[in-house]
Amino acid sequence: MAGLKEVKKLIEKAGVKQVILQFTDLSGGLHSLWIPSERLSKVAEEGIHTDGSSVAMVDISQSDLKVKPDLNSITVLPKTLFSKEVARVMCDLYEPESERQFKLDPRFILKKTIKNLKKTLGSSVNYYTSSEMEYFLFEKTEEGIRFFDQGSYLATPPTDKGADVRLEIVEHFKDMGVLIEKHHHEVPPAKSELNVAYADALKTADTAYLVKFIVKLLAARRGLVASFMPKPFYGQYGAGLHTHVSLIDEKKRENLFCNPKGNHALSDTAMHFIAGILNHAKALAALTNPSVNSYKRLVPGWEAPVYISWAKYNRSVLVRVPPGSKLRTRLEYRPTDGSCNFYIAYAGILAAGLDGIKRRLKPPEPVEEDIYKMSPQERSRRGIEVLPGNLGEALEEFSKDKYLWKTLGKEFCEKFVELKRREWREYNVMVHEWERKKYLDV
């Protein structure tokens, strides 16, 4: 735990002039308040007030929120990013006149779910995650945007024009003490992937927002647009956020998902966790794929997981078990995309898995065949269901999931559904270019 004295020494040694206080809204948007570094001590103790209604967190009649930095998340940013030395810290949201955490704060939702995990499996057990962060690089044109390159999977420079951008990103994170384990060009044009090192889920979510922030900033410096949008163009592969999860007993240094003698070298705990995810998969989609555009990616034929199933290696399933042993044993939840709020998505996955553990649910048999090649009759015979086909369907499924509502909190769930239904209604009344091409001559 970082104390105030340690943090003061850190920022004084680095010559930090300004500190960015960052927090997220329910839709995953990142918001920033800037303060002089001399004010950090006071703000850390007392918080700083902001207008929550302007970021769609509360109604205008009760708009004040208190922002308090979590000093454990402070990072001194590289000097090349801004004209002055700057540090960044993620914050928790509190009610304006008390020390009660704000129930709609996504970071609080994740911390609450981790607390539930510790109550269930023991105080030394923690939730570990990592995400494969995929993004596109675009050039601006008079018509809009176009792909920065025409590279394909594991392309090599000069075809992979984004390599130099990634190198700059990786070096910046190295300076910040954040390890990017690997990076490469992905399948579609101008799409890159960064793999952030495995860590406890709160730290991973904090880092994921730092990655988004830095990637977009460095791309903009080059006159480019970086986007984590799930499906920017029809007829091209989308961008996902494959999320790896495990439960680690930090005291014993044991991975609770690992059992070398178990089925697929997985423990009963891991099997129950898989069953919980599959059981709540339709509702979970609203949290891990919370945008209208998410469901343009989640269609068969584009290597996007839509079938509710699991397997050891098969990439056409929802939950995969990647290679790895002992501490590296993990599950890969494949539907997630970059439009999610990382805290909420991670919390939802954990909550679903915990239900499987508590109820000792058993998953169906693994599906090692390519599900995309199965007929509807074969999928039906094997009991393989499909994820919701659009945001509206996902919200309906989420609204029916009493367990997730109870676990994540009714107040949060109601507000989340309200915001996302509004987004769905906005989309449904829009007239799109496809409609003009299709129906203009009627």
Protein backbone atom coordinates (compact mmCIF):
# COMPACT_ATOMS: atom_id res chain seq x y z
CA MET A 1 0.00 0.00 0.00
CA ALA A 2 1.45 3.35 -1.03
CA GLY A 3 1.37 5.93 1.74
CA LEU A 4 1.08 9.67 1.30
CA LYS A 5 4.68 10.28 2.42
CA GLU A 6 6.00 7.79 -0.14
CA VAL A 7 3.94 9.34 -2.91
CA LYS A 8 5.09 12.86 -1.99
CA LYS A 9 8.72 11.72 -2.18
CA LEU A 10 8.03 10.07 -5.54
CA ILE A 11 6.51 13.13 -7.17
CA GLU A 12 9.08 15.51 -5.64
CA LYS A 13 11.95 13.36 -6.91
CA ALA A 14 10.38 13.24 -10.39
CA GLY A 15 9.72 16.98 -10.37
CA VAL A 16 6.01 16.46 -10.99
CA LYS A 17 4.16 19.74 -11.54
CA GLN A 18 0.63 18.49 -12.19
CA VAL A 19 -1.36 15.40 -11.21
CA ILE A 20 -4.19 14.04 -13.37
CA LEU A 21 -7.04 12.61 -11.31
CA GLN A 22 -8.89 10.09 -13.49
CA PHE A 23 -12.14 8.17 -13.05
CA THR A 24 -14.59 6.38 -15.32
CA ASP A 25 -18.30 6.60 -16.03
CA LEU A 26 -20.72 3.71 -16.52
CA SER A 27 -20.13 3.61 -20.27
CA GLY A 28 -16.37 3.30 -19.85
CA GLY A 29 -15.51 6.92 -20.63
CA LEU A 30 -12.36 8.23 -18.94
CA HIS A 31 -12.55 11.63 -17.22
CA SER A 32 -9.72 13.80 -15.92
CA LEU A 33 -9.28 16.52 -13.31
CA TRP A 34 -5.91 18.28 -13.15
CA ILE A 35 -4.45 19.64 -9.92
CA PRO A 36 -1.08 21.17 -8.95
CA SER A 37 1.10 18.53 -7.29
CA GLU A 38 1.20 20.62 -4.08
CA ARG A 39 -2.53 19.98 -3.64
CA LEU A 40 -2.29 16.19 -3.80
CA SER A 41 -1.95 15.69 -0.03
CA LYS A 42 -5.07 17.71 0.73
CA VAL A 43 -7.08 16.12 -2.09
CA ALA A 44 -5.99 12.62 -1.02
CA GLU A 45 -7.34 13.27 2.48
CA GLU A 46 -10.45 15.32 1.69
CA GLY A 47 -11.27 14.58 -1.94
CA ILE A 48 -12.30 17.11 -4.56
CA HIS A 49 -15.85 17.75 -5.76
CA THR A 50 -17.06 17.49 -9.33
CA ASP A 51 -20.34 17.54 -11.27
CA GLY A 52 -21.49 13.93 -11.63
CA SER A 53 -24.47 14.86 -13.81
CA SER A 54 -22.16 16.08 -16.58
CA VAL A 55 -20.70 12.58 -16.90
CA ALA A 56 -24.11 10.84 -16.74
CA MET A 57 -23.54 9.38 -13.27
CA VAL A 58 -26.29 11.16 -11.30
CA ASP A 59 -29.28 13.42 -11.91
CA ILE A 60 -28.75 17.18 -12.04
CA SER A 61 -30.77 17.57 -8.83
CA GLN A 62 -28.12 15.62 -6.89
CA SER A 63 -25.11 16.19 -9.07
CA ASP A 64 -22.13 16.54 -6.72
CA LEU A 65 -19.63 13.71 -6.37
CA LYS A 66 -16.39 13.56 -4.42
CA VAL A 67 -13.27 12.30 -6.21
CA LYS A 68 -10.50 10.76 -4.08
CA PRO A 69 -7.24 9.41 -5.53
CA ASP A 70 -6.15 5.84 -4.85
CA LEU A 71 -2.46 6.48 -4.21
CA ASN A 72 -1.61 2.84 -5.00
CA SER A 73 -2.36 3.60 -8.64
CA ILE A 74 -0.15 6.67 -9.05
CA THR A 75 2.13 6.64 -12.08
CA VAL A 76 4.68 9.25 -13.11
CA LEU A 77 4.21 9.74 -16.84
CA PRO A 78 7.21 9.97 -19.20
CA LYS A 79 8.48 13.51 -19.66
CA THR A 80 7.93 13.34 -23.43
CA LEU A 81 4.14 13.19 -23.11
CA PHE A 82 3.56 16.74 -21.88
CA SER A 83 5.46 20.01 -21.69
CA LYS A 84 5.75 19.63 -17.90
CA GLU A 85 6.27 16.63 -15.60
CA VAL A 86 2.91 15.00 -14.92
CA ALA A 87 1.66 12.08 -12.80
CA ARG A 88 -1.60 10.20 -13.19
CA VAL A 89 -3.71 8.49 -10.52
CA MET A 90 -6.98 6.57 -10.68
CA CYS A 91 -9.69 7.69 -8.29
CA ASP A 92 -12.63 6.37 -6.35
CA LEU A 93 -15.94 8.23 -6.22
CA TYR A 94 -17.66 9.10 -2.95
CA GLU A 95 -20.92 10.69 -1.92
CA PRO A 96 -20.38 14.45 -1.53
CA GLU A 97 -20.86 14.84 2.22
CA SER A 98 -19.68 11.48 3.57
CA GLU A 99 -17.01 8.79 3.38
CA ARG A 100 -19.41 6.36 1.71
CA GLN A 101 -18.26 5.17 -1.68
CA PHE A 102 -20.60 6.05 -4.52
CA LYS A 103 -22.59 2.91 -5.41
CA LEU A 104 -22.45 3.61 -9.15
CA ASP A 105 -18.66 3.98 -9.25
CA PRO A 106 -17.40 1.22 -11.60
CA ARG A 107 -14.19 0.88 -9.59
CA PHE A 108 -16.27 0.33 -6.46
CA ILE A 109 -18.32 -2.36 -8.26
CA LEU A 110 -15.14 -4.32 -8.99
CA LYS A 111 -13.74 -3.88 -5.46
CA LYS A 112 -17.06 -5.01 -3.99
CA THR A 113 -17.08 -8.14 -6.15
CA ILE A 114 -13.48 -8.97 -5.17
CA LYS A 115 -14.50 -8.54 -1.52
CA ASN A 116 -17.27 -11.07 -2.17
CA LEU A 117 -14.66 -13.45 -3.61
CA LYS A 118 -12.53 -13.16 -0.47
CA LYS A 119 -15.55 -13.84 1.74
CA THR A 120 -16.27 -16.96 -0.29
CA LEU A 121 -12.79 -18.46 -0.76
CA GLY A 122 -10.62 -16.74 1.85
CA SER A 123 -8.95 -13.38 2.43
CA SER A 124 -5.70 -14.42 0.71
CA VAL A 125 -7.45 -15.26 -2.58
CA ASN A 126 -7.35 -12.60 -5.27
CA TYR A 127 -8.75 -12.21 -8.77
CA TYR A 128 -6.13 -11.91 -11.52
CA THR A 129 -6.79 -10.72 -15.06
CA SER A 130 -5.12 -9.62 -18.24
CA SER A 131 -6.58 -8.38 -21.50
CA GLU A 132 -5.40 -8.58 -25.09
CA MET A 133 -5.95 -4.94 -26.05
CA GLU A 134 -6.71 -4.56 -29.74
CA TYR A 135 -7.02 -1.23 -31.53
CA PHE A 136 -7.04 0.25 -35.03
CA LEU A 137 -4.89 3.08 -36.38
CA PHE A 138 -6.53 5.38 -38.92
CA GLU A 139 -5.36 8.25 -41.07
CA LYS A 140 -7.63 11.26 -41.42
CA THR A 141 -8.85 12.05 -44.95
CA GLU A 142 -11.24 14.56 -46.49
CA GLU A 143 -13.83 11.77 -46.66
CA GLY A 144 -13.28 10.68 -43.04
CA ILE A 145 -10.75 8.00 -42.09
CA ARG A 146 -8.84 5.16 -43.76
CA PHE A 147 -6.67 2.31 -42.52
CA PHE A 148 -3.10 3.35 -41.67
CA ASP A 149 -1.73 0.18 -43.28
CA GLN A 150 -2.82 -2.93 -45.17
CA GLY A 151 -0.93 -5.43 -43.02
CA SER A 152 -2.23 -8.83 -41.96
CA TYR A 153 -1.60 -11.20 -39.04
CA LEU A 154 1.98 -10.92 -37.72
CA ALA A 155 2.91 -8.60 -40.60
CA THR A 156 6.48 -7.29 -40.72
CA PRO A 157 7.58 -3.69 -41.37
CA PRO A 158 7.32 -1.85 -43.69
CA THR A 159 3.91 -3.50 -44.28
CA ASP A 160 3.24 -3.20 -40.55
CA LYS A 161 3.37 0.59 -40.42
CA GLY A 162 1.99 0.56 -36.88
CA ALA A 163 5.11 -1.17 -35.50
CA ASP A 164 6.90 2.10 -34.83
CA VAL A 165 3.86 3.44 -32.98
CA ARG A 166 3.77 0.27 -30.86
CA LEU A 167 7.48 0.56 -30.09
CA GLU A 168 6.94 4.08 -28.83
CA ILE A 169 4.00 2.89 -26.71
CA VAL A 170 5.96 -0.05 -25.25
CA GLU A 171 8.96 2.13 -24.37
CA HIS A 172 6.73 4.68 -22.66
CA PHE A 173 5.18 1.93 -20.56
CA LYS A 174 8.60 0.51 -19.73
CA ASP A 175 9.52 3.95 -18.37
CA MET A 176 6.37 3.80 -16.22
CA GLY A 177 7.19 0.34 -14.88
CA VAL A 178 4.38 -1.33 -16.83
CA LEU A 179 5.28 -4.48 -18.76
CA ILE A 180 3.78 -5.03 -22.19
CA GLU A 181 4.54 -8.75 -22.59
CA LYS A 182 4.18 -8.84 -26.37
CA HIS A 183 2.71 -6.86 -29.26
CA HIS A 184 2.06 -7.51 -32.94
CA HIS A 185 -0.03 -6.71 -36.02
CA GLU A 186 -3.40 -8.45 -36.04
CA VAL A 187 -5.44 -10.01 -38.88
CA PRO A 188 -7.21 -6.95 -40.39
CA PRO A 189 -5.53 -3.86 -41.82
CA ALA A 190 -4.05 -1.39 -39.31
CA LYS A 191 -5.02 -3.41 -36.25
CA SER A 192 -2.51 -3.95 -33.44
CA GLU A 193 -2.57 -5.95 -30.23
CA LEU A 194 -0.87 -5.21 -26.91
CA ASN A 195 -0.70 -7.81 -24.13
CA VAL A 196 -0.51 -6.27 -20.67
CA ALA A 197 1.20 -8.33 -17.95
CA TYR A 198 -1.03 -10.41 -15.66
CA ALA A 199 -1.85 -8.78 -12.31
CA ASP A 200 -4.66 -8.42 -9.80
CA ALA A 201 -7.83 -7.24 -11.51
CA LEU A 202 -7.98 -3.76 -9.98
CA LYS A 203 -4.43 -3.02 -11.11
CA THR A 204 -5.09 -4.52 -14.55
CA ALA A 205 -8.20 -2.37 -15.04
CA ASP A 206 -6.29 0.74 -13.93
CA THR A 207 -3.52 -0.14 -16.39
CA ALA A 208 -5.98 -0.83 -19.21
CA TYR A 209 -7.28 2.74 -18.94
CA LEU A 210 -3.70 4.00 -18.91
CA VAL A 211 -3.05 2.02 -22.10
CA LYS A 212 -6.09 3.52 -23.81
CA PHE A 213 -5.08 7.01 -22.69
CA ILE A 214 -1.47 6.71 -23.88
CA VAL A 215 -2.26 4.90 -27.15
CA LYS A 216 -4.74 7.58 -28.20
CA LEU A 217 -2.42 10.38 -27.10
CA LEU A 218 0.63 9.06 -28.97
CA ALA A 219 -1.42 8.31 -32.09
CA ALA A 220 -2.82 11.86 -32.09
CA ARG A 221 0.74 13.24 -31.84
CA ARG A 222 1.42 11.53 -35.18
CA GLY A 223 -1.77 12.86 -36.76
CA LEU A 224 -3.45 9.45 -36.46
CA VAL A 225 -6.65 8.25 -34.81
CA ALA A 226 -6.43 5.24 -32.50
CA SER A 227 -9.74 3.46 -31.93
CA PHE A 228 -10.77 0.52 -29.75
CA MET A 229 -14.16 0.40 -31.54
CA PRO A 230 -15.32 -3.23 -31.90
CA LYS A 231 -16.27 -3.08 -35.59
CA PRO A 232 -15.33 0.11 -37.48
CA PHE A 233 -16.03 -1.26 -40.98
CA TYR A 234 -18.37 -3.82 -42.51
CA GLY A 235 -16.57 -6.70 -44.20
CA GLN A 236 -13.49 -6.50 -41.96
CA TYR A 237 -12.52 -8.23 -38.74
CA GLY A 238 -13.31 -6.36 -35.56
CA ALA A 239 -11.30 -5.60 -32.43
CA GLY A 240 -11.81 -7.59 -29.25
CA LEU A 241 -10.53 -7.62 -25.70
CA HIS A 242 -9.95 -11.29 -24.92
CA THR A 243 -9.86 -11.38 -21.13
CA HIS A 244 -7.78 -13.90 -19.19
CA VAL A 245 -8.81 -14.67 -15.61
CA SER A 246 -7.68 -16.83 -12.69
CA LEU A 247 -7.99 -17.01 -8.92
CA ILE A 248 -4.71 -16.90 -7.00
CA ASP A 249 -4.10 -17.68 -3.33
CA GLU A 250 -1.43 -15.04 -2.80
CA LYS A 251 -0.40 -16.39 0.61
CA LYS A 252 0.16 -19.95 -0.61
CA ARG A 253 1.20 -18.86 -4.14
CA GLU A 254 -1.30 -21.32 -5.57
CA ASN A 255 -3.52 -21.01 -8.62
CA LEU A 256 -6.97 -22.26 -7.63
CA PHE A 257 -7.73 -23.15 -11.26
CA CYS A 258 -4.83 -25.62 -11.51
CA ASN A 259 -5.02 -29.35 -10.83
CA PRO A 260 -2.55 -31.39 -12.92
CA LYS A 261 -4.62 -34.53 -12.24
CA GLY A 262 -7.95 -32.90 -13.01
CA ASN A 263 -10.01 -32.84 -16.19
CA HIS A 264 -7.95 -30.84 -18.73
CA ALA A 265 -5.52 -30.12 -15.82
CA LEU A 266 -8.22 -27.91 -14.31
CA SER A 267 -9.47 -27.94 -10.73
CA ASP A 268 -13.09 -28.35 -9.70
CA THR A 269 -13.02 -24.63 -8.85
CA ALA A 270 -12.10 -23.80 -12.44
CA MET A 271 -14.83 -26.07 -13.80
CA HIS A 272 -17.42 -24.45 -11.55
CA PHE A 273 -16.18 -21.01 -12.65
CA ILE A 274 -16.57 -21.97 -16.32
CA ALA A 275 -20.08 -23.24 -15.64
CA GLY A 276 -21.00 -19.98 -13.92
CA ILE A 277 -19.81 -17.91 -16.87
CA LEU A 278 -21.72 -20.05 -19.37
CA ASN A 279 -24.82 -19.97 -17.18
CA HIS A 280 -24.84 -16.15 -17.11
CA ALA A 281 -23.33 -15.59 -20.58
CA LYS A 282 -26.39 -14.00 -22.19
CA ALA A 283 -26.79 -11.46 -19.39
CA LEU A 284 -23.04 -10.95 -19.06
CA ALA A 285 -22.91 -9.76 -22.68
CA ALA A 286 -24.54 -6.48 -21.64
CA LEU A 287 -21.51 -5.76 -19.42
CA THR A 288 -18.68 -7.08 -21.59
CA ASN A 289 -20.18 -5.94 -24.91
CA PRO A 290 -22.18 -2.85 -23.93
CA SER A 291 -22.36 -0.91 -27.21
CA VAL A 292 -24.58 -1.08 -30.28
CA ASN A 293 -21.44 -1.66 -32.33
CA SER A 294 -20.38 -4.63 -30.17
CA TYR A 295 -22.91 -6.87 -31.89
CA LYS A 296 -21.65 -6.00 -35.37
CA ARG A 297 -18.46 -7.82 -34.29
CA LEU A 298 -20.23 -10.73 -32.60
CA VAL A 299 -21.39 -12.46 -35.77
CA PRO A 300 -20.40 -15.92 -37.08
CA GLY A 301 -17.62 -16.09 -39.64
CA TRP A 302 -15.32 -13.39 -38.30
CA GLU A 303 -13.53 -15.34 -35.56
CA ALA A 304 -15.74 -13.68 -32.94
CA PRO A 305 -17.18 -15.97 -30.26
CA VAL A 306 -20.97 -16.12 -30.28
CA TYR A 307 -21.69 -19.70 -29.20
CA ILE A 308 -22.06 -20.42 -25.48
CA SER A 309 -19.54 -23.21 -25.01
CA TRP A 310 -16.02 -23.92 -23.80
CA ALA A 311 -12.97 -25.92 -24.87
CA LYS A 312 -9.29 -26.48 -24.25
CA TYR A 313 -7.88 -24.89 -27.40
CA ASN A 314 -10.80 -24.22 -29.75
CA ARG A 315 -11.05 -20.51 -30.62
CA SER A 316 -14.66 -20.68 -31.80
CA VAL A 317 -15.94 -21.05 -28.22
CA LEU A 318 -16.85 -18.48 -25.57
CA VAL A 319 -14.41 -19.70 -22.90
CA ARG A 320 -11.06 -21.17 -23.87
CA VAL A 321 -8.32 -22.72 -21.73
CA PRO A 322 -5.02 -21.40 -23.15
CA PRO A 323 -1.77 -23.36 -22.71
CA GLY A 324 -0.19 -22.82 -19.30
CA SER A 325 0.53 -24.70 -16.12
CA LYS A 326 0.50 -24.08 -12.37
CA LEU A 327 0.43 -20.32 -11.68
CA ARG A 328 -0.21 -19.56 -15.37
CA THR A 329 -3.38 -21.68 -15.57
CA ARG A 330 -6.18 -19.37 -16.66
CA LEU A 331 -9.45 -19.09 -18.53
CA GLU A 332 -9.87 -16.86 -21.57
CA TYR A 333 -13.24 -15.14 -21.92
CA ARG A 334 -13.31 -14.17 -25.60
CA PRO A 335 -16.39 -11.98 -26.30
CA THR A 336 -15.27 -8.82 -24.42
CA ASP A 337 -14.50 -5.71 -26.48
CA GLY A 338 -12.93 -2.30 -25.95
CA SER A 339 -16.23 -0.45 -25.62
CA CYS A 340 -16.70 -1.92 -22.14
CA ASN A 341 -15.90 -0.36 -18.81
CA PHE A 342 -12.99 -2.55 -17.68
CA TYR A 343 -14.01 -2.47 -14.01
CA ILE A 344 -17.59 -3.47 -14.80
CA ALA A 345 -16.62 -6.18 -17.30
CA TYR A 346 -14.09 -7.74 -14.92
CA ALA A 347 -16.62 -7.58 -12.07
CA GLY A 348 -19.30 -9.24 -14.19
CA ILE A 349 -17.04 -12.12 -15.21
CA LEU A 350 -15.99 -12.69 -11.59
CA ALA A 351 -19.56 -12.50 -10.30
CA ALA A 352 -20.74 -15.07 -12.86
CA GLY A 353 -17.85 -17.40 -12.05
CA LEU A 354 -18.43 -17.07 -8.31
CA ASP A 355 -22.04 -18.16 -8.76
CA GLY A 356 -20.77 -21.31 -10.41
CA ILE A 357 -18.40 -21.93 -7.50
CA LYS A 358 -21.02 -21.30 -4.81
CA ARG A 359 -23.59 -23.53 -6.51
CA ARG A 360 -20.99 -26.09 -7.63
CA LEU A 361 -22.30 -25.92 -11.19
CA LYS A 362 -20.88 -28.30 -13.78
CA PRO A 363 -20.13 -27.14 -17.32
CA PRO A 364 -21.26 -29.11 -20.37
CA GLU A 365 -18.74 -31.22 -22.26
CA PRO A 366 -16.06 -29.16 -24.04
CA VAL A 367 -16.56 -28.53 -27.75
CA GLU A 368 -13.32 -29.07 -29.64
CA GLU A 369 -14.84 -28.94 -33.14
CA ASP A 370 -15.21 -25.73 -35.16
CA ILE A 371 -18.67 -24.54 -34.13
CA TYR A 372 -18.85 -22.15 -37.09
CA LYS A 373 -19.01 -25.20 -39.38
CA MET A 374 -21.81 -26.91 -37.45
CA SER A 375 -25.35 -26.84 -38.78
CA PRO A 376 -28.07 -25.23 -36.64
CA GLN A 377 -29.48 -28.72 -36.10
CA GLU A 378 -26.13 -30.01 -34.79
CA ARG A 379 -25.74 -27.04 -32.43
CA SER A 380 -29.30 -27.55 -31.18
CA ARG A 381 -28.71 -31.28 -30.65
CA ARG A 382 -25.63 -30.50 -28.56
CA GLY A 383 -27.36 -27.76 -26.58
CA ILE A 384 -25.08 -24.97 -27.85
CA GLU A 385 -26.89 -21.67 -27.46
CA VAL A 386 -25.96 -18.29 -28.91
CA LEU A 387 -25.23 -14.88 -27.39
CA PRO A 388 -27.76 -12.04 -27.82
CA GLY A 389 -27.83 -10.66 -31.34
CA ASN A 390 -27.93 -6.98 -30.42
CA LEU A 391 -27.67 -4.60 -27.48
CA GLY A 392 -31.43 -4.59 -26.92
CA GLU A 393 -31.51 -8.38 -26.53
CA ALA A 394 -28.49 -8.28 -24.21
CA LEU A 395 -30.17 -5.71 -21.96
CA GLU A 396 -33.30 -7.87 -21.80
CA GLU A 397 -31.21 -10.85 -20.71
CA PHE A 398 -29.33 -8.76 -18.15
CA SER A 399 -32.57 -7.35 -16.76
CA LYS A 400 -33.78 -10.91 -16.06
CA ASP A 401 -30.61 -12.04 -14.26
CA LYS A 402 -31.56 -11.68 -10.59
CA TYR A 403 -28.24 -13.02 -9.34
CA LEU A 404 -26.11 -10.45 -11.19
CA TRP A 405 -28.42 -7.66 -10.05
CA LYS A 406 -28.16 -8.75 -6.43
CA THR A 407 -24.38 -9.20 -6.60
CA LEU A 408 -23.49 -6.03 -8.50
CA GLY A 409 -26.15 -3.90 -6.83
CA LYS A 410 -29.67 -2.95 -7.88
CA GLU A 411 -28.92 0.80 -8.00
CA PHE A 412 -25.97 0.28 -10.36
CA CYS A 413 -27.87 -2.18 -12.57
CA GLU A 414 -30.90 0.10 -12.91
CA LYS A 415 -28.77 3.08 -13.91
CA PHE A 416 -26.68 1.01 -16.32
CA VAL A 417 -29.76 -0.39 -18.06
CA GLU A 418 -31.35 3.07 -18.21
CA LEU A 419 -28.28 4.56 -19.94
CA LYS A 420 -27.85 1.67 -22.34
CA ARG A 421 -31.54 1.49 -23.28
CA ARG A 422 -31.37 5.18 -24.13
CA GLU A 423 -28.37 4.43 -26.36
CA TRP A 424 -30.29 1.57 -28.03
CA ARG A 425 -33.32 3.81 -28.65
CA GLU A 426 -31.11 6.52 -30.17
CA TYR A 427 -29.65 3.99 -32.59
CA ASN A 428 -33.04 2.57 -33.56
CA VAL A 429 -34.46 5.93 -34.65
CA MET A 430 -31.37 6.92 -36.66
CA VAL A 431 -31.56 6.63 -40.45
CA HIS A 432 -28.42 4.99 -41.83
CA GLU A 433 -26.74 5.16 -45.24
CA TRP A 434 -27.59 1.49 -45.86
CA GLU A 435 -31.30 2.36 -45.62
CA ARG A 436 -30.99 5.14 -48.19
CA LYS A 437 -29.20 2.82 -50.60
CA LYS A 438 -31.78 0.10 -50.02
CA TYR A 439 -35.02 2.05 -49.98
CA LEU A 440 -34.54 5.41 -51.71
CA ASP A 441 -36.21 4.16 -54.90
CA VAL A 442 -39.30 2.65 -53.30
